[in-house]
PDB file of all heavy atoms in Angstrom:
ATOM      1  N   LEU A   1       2.582 -27.363 -16.627  1.00  0.00           N
ATOM      2  CA  LEU A   1       2.834 -26.320 -17.584  1.00  0.00           C
ATOM      3  C   LEU A   1       1.999 -25.060 -17.351  1.00  0.00           C
ATOM      4  O   LEU A   1       2.646 -23.962 -17.384  1.00  0.00           O
ATOM      5  CB  LEU A   1       2.398 -26.903 -18.977  1.00  0.00           C
ATOM      6  CG  LEU A   1       3.413 -27.838 -19.649  1.00  0.00           C
ATOM      7  CD1 LEU A   1       2.702 -28.392 -20.973  1.00  0.00           C
ATOM      8  CD2 LEU A   1       4.601 -26.940 -20.133  1.00  0.00           C
ATOM      9  N   CYS A   2       0.763 -25.270 -16.839  1.00  0.00           N
ATOM     10  CA  CYS A   2      -0.005 -24.199 -16.510  1.00  0.00           C
ATOM     11  C   CYS A   2       0.568 -23.297 -15.375  1.00  0.00           C
ATOM     12  O   CYS A   2       0.606 -22.035 -15.461  1.00  0.00           O
ATOM     13  CB  CYS A   2      -1.448 -24.630 -16.165  1.00  0.00           C
ATOM     14  SG  CYS A   2      -2.489 -25.087 -17.480  1.00  0.00           S
ATOM     15  N   ALA A   3       0.995 -23.983 -14.361  1.00  0.00           N
ATOM     16  CA  ALA A   3       1.606 -23.390 -13.219  1.00  0.00           C
ATOM     17  C   ALA A   3       2.946 -22.528 -13.644  1.00  0.00           C
ATOM     18  O   ALA A   3       3.116 -21.489 -13.133  1.00  0.00           O
ATOM     19  CB  ALA A   3       1.851 -24.275 -12.124  1.00  0.00           C
ATOM     20  N   GLY A   4       3.812 -23.362 -14.370  1.00  0.00           N
ATOM     21  CA  GLY A   4       4.887 -22.637 -14.804  1.00  0.00           C
ATOM     22  C   GLY A   4       4.654 -21.406 -15.694  1.00  0.00           C
ATOM     23  O   GLY A   4       5.385 -20.372 -15.455  1.00  0.00           O
ATOM     24  N   TYR A   5       3.698 -21.523 -16.560  1.00  0.00           N
ATOM     25  CA  TYR A   5       3.403 -20.356 -17.452  1.00  0.00           C
ATOM     26  C   TYR A   5       2.788 -19.283 -16.612  1.00  0.00           C
ATOM     27  O   TYR A   5       3.154 -18.055 -16.839  1.00  0.00           O
ATOM     28  CB  TYR A   5       2.501 -20.716 -18.539  1.00  0.00           C
ATOM     29  CG  TYR A   5       3.068 -21.655 -19.710  1.00  0.00           C
ATOM     30  CD1 TYR A   5       4.422 -21.925 -19.748  1.00  0.00           C
ATOM     31  CD2 TYR A   5       2.367 -21.996 -20.717  1.00  0.00           C
ATOM     32  CE1 TYR A   5       4.936 -22.749 -20.702  1.00  0.00           C
ATOM     33  CE2 TYR A   5       2.769 -22.728 -21.776  1.00  0.00           C
ATOM     34  CZ  TYR A   5       4.100 -23.106 -21.732  1.00  0.00           C
ATOM     35  OH  TYR A   5       4.593 -23.860 -22.842  1.00  0.00           O
ATOM     36  N   ALA A   6       1.973 -19.665 -15.703  1.00  0.00           N
ATOM     37  CA  ALA A   6       1.307 -18.597 -14.764  1.00  0.00           C
ATOM     38  C   ALA A   6       2.270 -17.854 -14.002  1.00  0.00           C
ATOM     39  O   ALA A   6       2.128 -16.605 -13.815  1.00  0.00           O
ATOM     40  CB  ALA A   6       0.268 -19.328 -13.918  1.00  0.00           C
ATOM     41  N   ALA A   7       3.435 -18.482 -13.583  1.00  0.00           N
ATOM     42  CA  ALA A   7       4.394 -17.858 -12.767  1.00  0.00           C
ATOM     43  C   ALA A   7       5.059 -16.615 -13.626  1.00  0.00           C
ATOM     44  O   ALA A   7       5.493 -15.736 -12.964  1.00  0.00           O
ATOM     45  CB  ALA A   7       5.494 -18.812 -12.371  1.00  0.00           C
ATOM     46  N   VAL A   8       5.112 -16.752 -14.896  1.00  0.00           N
ATOM     47  CA  VAL A   8       5.721 -15.657 -15.630  1.00  0.00           C
ATOM     48  C   VAL A   8       4.790 -14.827 -16.388  1.00  0.00           C
ATOM     49  O   VAL A   8       5.040 -13.702 -16.801  1.00  0.00           O
ATOM     50  CB  VAL A   8       6.820 -16.159 -16.612  1.00  0.00           C
ATOM     51  CG1 VAL A   8       7.941 -16.960 -15.867  1.00  0.00           C
ATOM     52  CG2 VAL A   8       6.036 -17.222 -17.557  1.00  0.00           C
ATOM     53  N   ALA A   9       3.466 -15.231 -16.514  1.00  0.00           N
ATOM     54  CA  ALA A   9       2.557 -14.519 -17.319  1.00  0.00           C
ATOM     55  C   ALA A   9       1.461 -13.846 -16.577  1.00  0.00           C
ATOM     56  O   ALA A   9       0.814 -12.909 -17.024  1.00  0.00           O
ATOM     57  CB  ALA A   9       1.849 -15.552 -18.333  1.00  0.00           C
ATOM     58  N   MET A  10       1.088 -14.233 -15.308  1.00  0.00           N
ATOM     59  CA  MET A  10       0.060 -13.714 -14.638  1.00  0.00           C
ATOM     60  C   MET A  10       0.225 -12.167 -14.368  1.00  0.00           C
ATOM     61  O   MET A  10       1.436 -11.785 -14.086  1.00  0.00           O
ATOM     62  CB  MET A  10      -0.112 -14.336 -13.249  1.00  0.00           C
ATOM     63  CG  MET A  10      -1.096 -15.489 -13.226  1.00  0.00           C
ATOM     64  SD  MET A  10      -1.364 -16.107 -11.540  1.00  0.00           S
ATOM     65  CE  MET A  10      -2.887 -16.914 -11.692  1.00  0.00           C
ATOM     66  N   THR A  11      -0.777 -11.395 -14.451  1.00  0.00           N
ATOM     67  CA  THR A  11      -0.747  -9.906 -14.190  1.00  0.00           C
ATOM     68  C   THR A  11      -0.696  -9.823 -12.639  1.00  0.00           C
ATOM     69  O   THR A  11      -0.945 -10.747 -11.907  1.00  0.00           O
ATOM     70  CB  THR A  11      -1.875  -9.212 -14.694  1.00  0.00           C
ATOM     71  OG1 THR A  11      -3.077  -9.651 -14.051  1.00  0.00           O
ATOM     72  CG2 THR A  11      -2.095  -9.360 -16.226  1.00  0.00           C
ATOM     73  N   ALA A  12      -0.299  -8.594 -12.109  1.00  0.00           N
ATOM     74  CA  ALA A  12      -0.343  -8.343 -10.763  1.00  0.00           C
ATOM     75  C   ALA A  12      -1.697  -8.624 -10.133  1.00  0.00           C
ATOM     76  O   ALA A  12      -1.820  -9.116  -8.984  1.00  0.00           O
ATOM     77  CB  ALA A  12       0.164  -6.859 -10.476  1.00  0.00           C
ATOM     78  N   ARG A  13      -2.766  -8.138 -10.839  1.00  0.00           N
ATOM     79  CA  ARG A  13      -4.102  -8.338 -10.372  1.00  0.00           C
ATOM     80  C   ARG A  13      -4.451  -9.953 -10.232  1.00  0.00           C
ATOM     81  O   ARG A  13      -5.061 -10.302  -9.274  1.00  0.00           O
ATOM     82  CB  ARG A  13      -5.043  -7.640 -11.276  1.00  0.00           C
ATOM     83  CG  ARG A  13      -6.596  -7.926 -10.978  1.00  0.00           C
ATOM     84  CD  ARG A  13      -6.961  -7.360  -9.578  1.00  0.00           C
ATOM     85  NE  ARG A  13      -8.400  -7.710  -9.273  1.00  0.00           N
ATOM     86  CZ  ARG A  13      -9.435  -6.891  -9.666  1.00  0.00           C
ATOM     87  NH1 ARG A  13      -9.137  -5.809 -10.343  1.00  0.00           N
ATOM     88  NH2 ARG A  13     -10.673  -7.246  -9.345  1.00  0.00           N
ATOM     89  N   GLU A  14      -4.032 -10.623 -11.227  1.00  0.00           N
ATOM     90  CA  GLU A  14      -4.319 -12.080 -11.166  1.00  0.00           C
ATOM     91  C   GLU A  14      -3.571 -12.784 -10.065  1.00  0.00           C
ATOM     92  O   GLU A  14      -4.038 -13.684  -9.392  1.00  0.00           O
ATOM     93  CB  GLU A  14      -3.878 -12.762 -12.512  1.00  0.00           C
ATOM     94  CG  GLU A  14      -4.882 -12.376 -13.702  1.00  0.00           C
ATOM     95  CD  GLU A  14      -4.395 -12.852 -15.015  1.00  0.00           C
ATOM     96  OE1 GLU A  14      -3.122 -12.811 -15.183  1.00  0.00           O
ATOM     97  OE2 GLU A  14      -5.172 -13.138 -15.824  1.00  0.00           O
ATOM     98  N   ARG A  15      -2.279 -12.291  -9.838  1.00  0.00           N
ATOM     99  CA  ARG A  15      -1.560 -12.904  -8.699  1.00  0.00           C
ATOM    100  C   ARG A  15      -2.213 -12.651  -7.396  1.00  0.00           C
ATOM    101  O   ARG A  15      -2.365 -13.427  -6.425  1.00  0.00           O
ATOM    102  CB  ARG A  15      -0.176 -12.334  -8.663  1.00  0.00           C
ATOM    103  CG  ARG A  15       0.729 -12.844  -9.865  1.00  0.00           C
ATOM    104  CD  ARG A  15       2.021 -12.113  -9.892  1.00  0.00           C
ATOM    105  NE  ARG A  15       2.547 -12.252 -11.217  1.00  0.00           N
ATOM    106  CZ  ARG A  15       3.413 -13.217 -11.642  1.00  0.00           C
ATOM    107  NH1 ARG A  15       3.717 -14.113 -10.824  1.00  0.00           N
ATOM    108  NH2 ARG A  15       3.845 -13.228 -12.843  1.00  0.00           N
ATOM    109  N   ARG A  16      -2.740 -11.265  -7.106  1.00  0.00           N
ATOM    110  CA  ARG A  16      -3.511 -11.007  -5.983  1.00  0.00           C
ATOM    111  C   ARG A  16      -4.745 -11.898  -5.765  1.00  0.00           C
ATOM    112  O   ARG A  16      -5.015 -12.342  -4.646  1.00  0.00           O
ATOM    113  CB  ARG A  16      -3.737  -9.498  -5.923  1.00  0.00           C
ATOM    114  CG  ARG A  16      -2.649  -8.535  -5.618  1.00  0.00           C
ATOM    115  CD  ARG A  16      -3.070  -7.144  -5.362  1.00  0.00           C
ATOM    116  NE  ARG A  16      -3.874  -6.607  -6.349  1.00  0.00           N
ATOM    117  CZ  ARG A  16      -3.442  -5.858  -7.368  1.00  0.00           C
ATOM    118  NH1 ARG A  16      -2.184  -5.696  -7.519  1.00  0.00           N
ATOM    119  NH2 ARG A  16      -4.293  -5.392  -8.345  1.00  0.00           N
ATOM    120  N   ASP A  17      -5.463 -11.996  -6.903  1.00  0.00           N
ATOM    121  CA  ASP A  17      -6.743 -12.725  -6.856  1.00  0.00           C
ATOM    122  C   ASP A  17      -6.411 -14.219  -6.579  1.00  0.00           C
ATOM    123  O   ASP A  17      -7.130 -14.780  -5.730  1.00  0.00           O
ATOM    124  CB  ASP A  17      -7.443 -12.696  -8.199  1.00  0.00           C
ATOM    125  CG  ASP A  17      -8.014 -11.317  -8.417  1.00  0.00           C
ATOM    126  OD1 ASP A  17      -8.079 -10.522  -7.510  1.00  0.00           O
ATOM    127  OD2 ASP A  17      -8.428 -11.032  -9.588  1.00  0.00           O
ATOM    128  N   LEU A  18      -5.273 -14.813  -7.102  1.00  0.00           N
ATOM    129  CA  LEU A  18      -4.976 -16.172  -6.693  1.00  0.00           C
ATOM    130  C   LEU A  18      -4.608 -16.345  -5.274  1.00  0.00           C
ATOM    131  O   LEU A  18      -5.130 -17.301  -4.652  1.00  0.00           O
ATOM    132  CB  LEU A  18      -3.870 -16.580  -7.607  1.00  0.00           C
ATOM    133  CG  LEU A  18      -3.300 -18.018  -7.364  1.00  0.00           C
ATOM    134  CD1 LEU A  18      -4.467 -19.140  -7.807  1.00  0.00           C
ATOM    135  CD2 LEU A  18      -2.108 -18.303  -8.125  1.00  0.00           C
ATOM    136  N   GLU A  19      -3.807 -15.459  -4.780  1.00  0.00           N
ATOM    137  CA  GLU A  19      -3.463 -15.426  -3.306  1.00  0.00           C
ATOM    138  C   GLU A  19      -4.664 -15.324  -2.505  1.00  0.00           C
ATOM    139  O   GLU A  19      -4.782 -16.109  -1.500  1.00  0.00           O
ATOM    140  CB  GLU A  19      -2.465 -14.361  -3.083  1.00  0.00           C
ATOM    141  CG  GLU A  19      -1.988 -14.434  -1.621  1.00  0.00           C
ATOM    142  CD  GLU A  19      -0.836 -13.360  -1.299  1.00  0.00           C
ATOM    143  OE1 GLU A  19      -0.809 -12.359  -2.012  1.00  0.00           O
ATOM    144  OE2 GLU A  19      -0.041 -13.567  -0.362  1.00  0.00           O
ATOM    145  N   ASN A  20      -5.619 -14.484  -2.745  1.00  0.00           N
ATOM    146  CA  ASN A  20      -6.820 -14.151  -1.982  1.00  0.00           C
ATOM    147  C   ASN A  20      -7.688 -15.471  -2.078  1.00  0.00           C
ATOM    148  O   ASN A  20      -8.353 -15.892  -1.025  1.00  0.00           O
ATOM    149  CB  ASN A  20      -7.707 -12.908  -2.445  1.00  0.00           C
ATOM    150  CG  ASN A  20      -6.876 -11.612  -2.231  1.00  0.00           C
ATOM    151  OD1 ASN A  20      -6.162 -11.668  -1.240  1.00  0.00           O
ATOM    152  ND2 ASN A  20      -7.285 -10.641  -2.956  1.00  0.00           N
ATOM    153  N   LEU A  21      -7.805 -16.085  -3.241  1.00  0.00           N
ATOM    154  CA  LEU A  21      -8.585 -17.293  -3.368  1.00  0.00           C
ATOM    155  C   LEU A  21      -8.075 -18.346  -2.594  1.00  0.00           C
ATOM    156  O   LEU A  21      -8.702 -19.173  -1.777  1.00  0.00           O
ATOM    157  CB  LEU A  21      -8.626 -17.718  -4.834  1.00  0.00           C
ATOM    158  CG  LEU A  21      -9.405 -18.999  -5.234  1.00  0.00           C
ATOM    159  CD1 LEU A  21     -10.803 -18.959  -4.692  1.00  0.00           C
ATOM    160  CD2 LEU A  21      -9.267 -19.307  -6.682  1.00  0.00           C
ATOM    161  N   HIS A  22      -6.686 -18.553  -2.604  1.00  0.00           N
ATOM    162  CA  HIS A  22      -6.018 -19.541  -1.715  1.00  0.00           C
ATOM    163  C   HIS A  22      -6.319 -19.286  -0.266  1.00  0.00           C
ATOM    164  O   HIS A  22      -6.677 -20.199   0.487  1.00  0.00           O
ATOM    165  CB  HIS A  22      -4.539 -19.524  -2.036  1.00  0.00           C
ATOM    166  CG  HIS A  22      -3.632 -20.349  -1.093  1.00  0.00           C
ATOM    167  ND1 HIS A  22      -3.879 -21.738  -0.886  1.00  0.00           N
ATOM    168  CD2 HIS A  22      -2.753 -19.982  -0.236  1.00  0.00           C
ATOM    169  CE1 HIS A  22      -3.071 -22.206   0.017  1.00  0.00           C
ATOM    170  NE2 HIS A  22      -2.255 -21.188   0.419  1.00  0.00           N
ATOM    171  N   ARG A  23      -6.140 -18.062   0.127  1.00  0.00           N
ATOM    172  CA  ARG A  23      -6.345 -17.790   1.532  1.00  0.00           C
ATOM    173  C   ARG A  23      -7.866 -18.032   2.030  1.00  0.00           C
ATOM    174  O   ARG A  23      -8.115 -18.441   3.085  1.00  0.00           O
ATOM    175  CB  ARG A  23      -5.988 -16.266   1.866  1.00  0.00           C
ATOM    176  CG  ARG A  23      -4.707 -15.894   1.631  1.00  0.00           C
ATOM    177  CD  ARG A  23      -3.628 -16.658   2.449  1.00  0.00           C
ATOM    178  NE  ARG A  23      -2.317 -16.393   2.057  1.00  0.00           N
ATOM    179  CZ  ARG A  23      -1.276 -17.252   2.123  1.00  0.00           C
ATOM    180  NH1 ARG A  23      -1.461 -18.456   2.696  1.00  0.00           N
ATOM    181  NH2 ARG A  23      -0.078 -16.871   1.788  1.00  0.00           N
ATOM    182  N   SER A  24      -8.819 -17.855   1.152  1.00  0.00           N
ATOM    183  CA  SER A  24     -10.205 -18.032   1.446  1.00  0.00           C
ATOM    184  C   SER A  24     -10.488 -19.551   1.600  1.00  0.00           C
ATOM    185  O   SER A  24     -11.595 -19.879   2.186  1.00  0.00           O
ATOM    186  CB  SER A  24     -11.081 -17.499   0.288  1.00  0.00           C
ATOM    187  OG  SER A  24     -11.008 -18.317  -0.908  1.00  0.00           O
ATOM    188  N   MET A  25      -9.607 -20.397   1.248  1.00  0.00           N
ATOM    189  CA  MET A  25      -9.877 -21.840   1.435  1.00  0.00           C
ATOM    190  C   MET A  25      -9.468 -22.331   2.803  1.00  0.00           C
ATOM    191  O   MET A  25      -9.814 -23.399   3.130  1.00  0.00           O
ATOM    192  CB  MET A  25      -9.101 -22.667   0.365  1.00  0.00           C
ATOM    193  CG  MET A  25      -9.549 -22.339  -1.060  1.00  0.00           C
ATOM    194  SD  MET A  25      -8.598 -23.146  -2.436  1.00  0.00           S
ATOM    195  CE  MET A  25      -9.083 -24.819  -2.128  1.00  0.00           C
ATOM    196  N   ALA A  26      -8.764 -21.523   3.522  1.00  0.00           N
ATOM    197  CA  ALA A  26      -8.292 -21.926   4.825  1.00  0.00           C
ATOM    198  C   ALA A  26      -9.441 -22.275   5.866  1.00  0.00           C
ATOM    199  O   ALA A  26      -9.459 -23.252   6.493  1.00  0.00           O
ATOM    200  CB  ALA A  26      -7.325 -20.903   5.505  1.00  0.00           C
ATOM    201  N   PRO A  27     -10.445 -21.376   5.831  1.00  0.00           N
ATOM    202  CA  PRO A  27     -11.553 -21.747   6.718  1.00  0.00           C
ATOM    203  C   PRO A  27     -12.294 -22.947   6.301  1.00  0.00           C
ATOM    204  O   PRO A  27     -12.808 -23.781   7.127  1.00  0.00           O
ATOM    205  CB  PRO A  27     -12.525 -20.527   6.567  1.00  0.00           C
ATOM    206  CG  PRO A  27     -11.717 -19.420   6.129  1.00  0.00           C
ATOM    207  CD  PRO A  27     -10.594 -20.084   5.164  1.00  0.00           C
ATOM    208  N   LEU A  28     -12.260 -23.358   4.978  1.00  0.00           N
ATOM    209  CA  LEU A  28     -12.923 -24.559   4.598  1.00  0.00           C
ATOM    210  C   LEU A  28     -12.135 -25.812   5.133  1.00  0.00           C
ATOM    211  O   LEU A  28     -12.711 -26.873   5.367  1.00  0.00           O
ATOM    212  CB  LEU A  28     -12.966 -24.607   3.081  1.00  0.00           C
ATOM    213  CG  LEU A  28     -13.582 -23.470   2.389  1.00  0.00           C
ATOM    214  CD1 LEU A  28     -13.632 -23.659   0.839  1.00  0.00           C
ATOM    215  CD2 LEU A  28     -15.030 -23.385   2.871  1.00  0.00           C
ATOM    216  N   VAL A  29     -10.827 -25.711   5.230  1.00  0.00           N
ATOM    217  CA  VAL A  29      -9.970 -26.786   5.812  1.00  0.00           C
ATOM    218  C   VAL A  29     -10.441 -27.042   7.346  1.00  0.00           C
ATOM    219  O   VAL A  29     -10.587 -28.088   7.818  1.00  0.00           O
ATOM    220  CB  VAL A  29      -8.486 -26.431   5.743  1.00  0.00           C
ATOM    221  CG1 VAL A  29      -7.671 -27.503   6.419  1.00  0.00           C
ATOM    222  CG2 VAL A  29      -8.137 -26.387   4.243  1.00  0.00           C
ATOM    223  N   ARG A  30     -10.599 -25.772   7.985  1.00  0.00           N
ATOM    224  CA  ARG A  30     -10.921 -25.924   9.456  1.00  0.00           C
ATOM    225  C   ARG A  30     -12.354 -26.544   9.609  1.00  0.00           C
ATOM    226  O   ARG A  30     -12.589 -27.274  10.616  1.00  0.00           O
ATOM    227  CB  ARG A  30     -10.878 -24.566  10.103  1.00  0.00           C
ATOM    228  CG  ARG A  30      -9.437 -23.967  10.171  1.00  0.00           C
ATOM    229  CD  ARG A  30      -9.405 -22.850  11.034  1.00  0.00           C
ATOM    230  NE  ARG A  30     -10.119 -21.631  10.614  1.00  0.00           N
ATOM    231  CZ  ARG A  30      -9.529 -20.740   9.776  1.00  0.00           C
ATOM    232  NH1 ARG A  30      -8.254 -20.895   9.403  1.00  0.00           N
ATOM    233  NH2 ARG A  30     -10.283 -19.792   9.333  1.00  0.00           N
TER     234      ARG A  30
END
């Protein structure tokens, strides 16, 4: 539900922040 709502409710800034947070986790995987 949260993810579905976020897909339509997130602001442009929140979407960028989420994408940046996701990308920042790649080094932790390595």
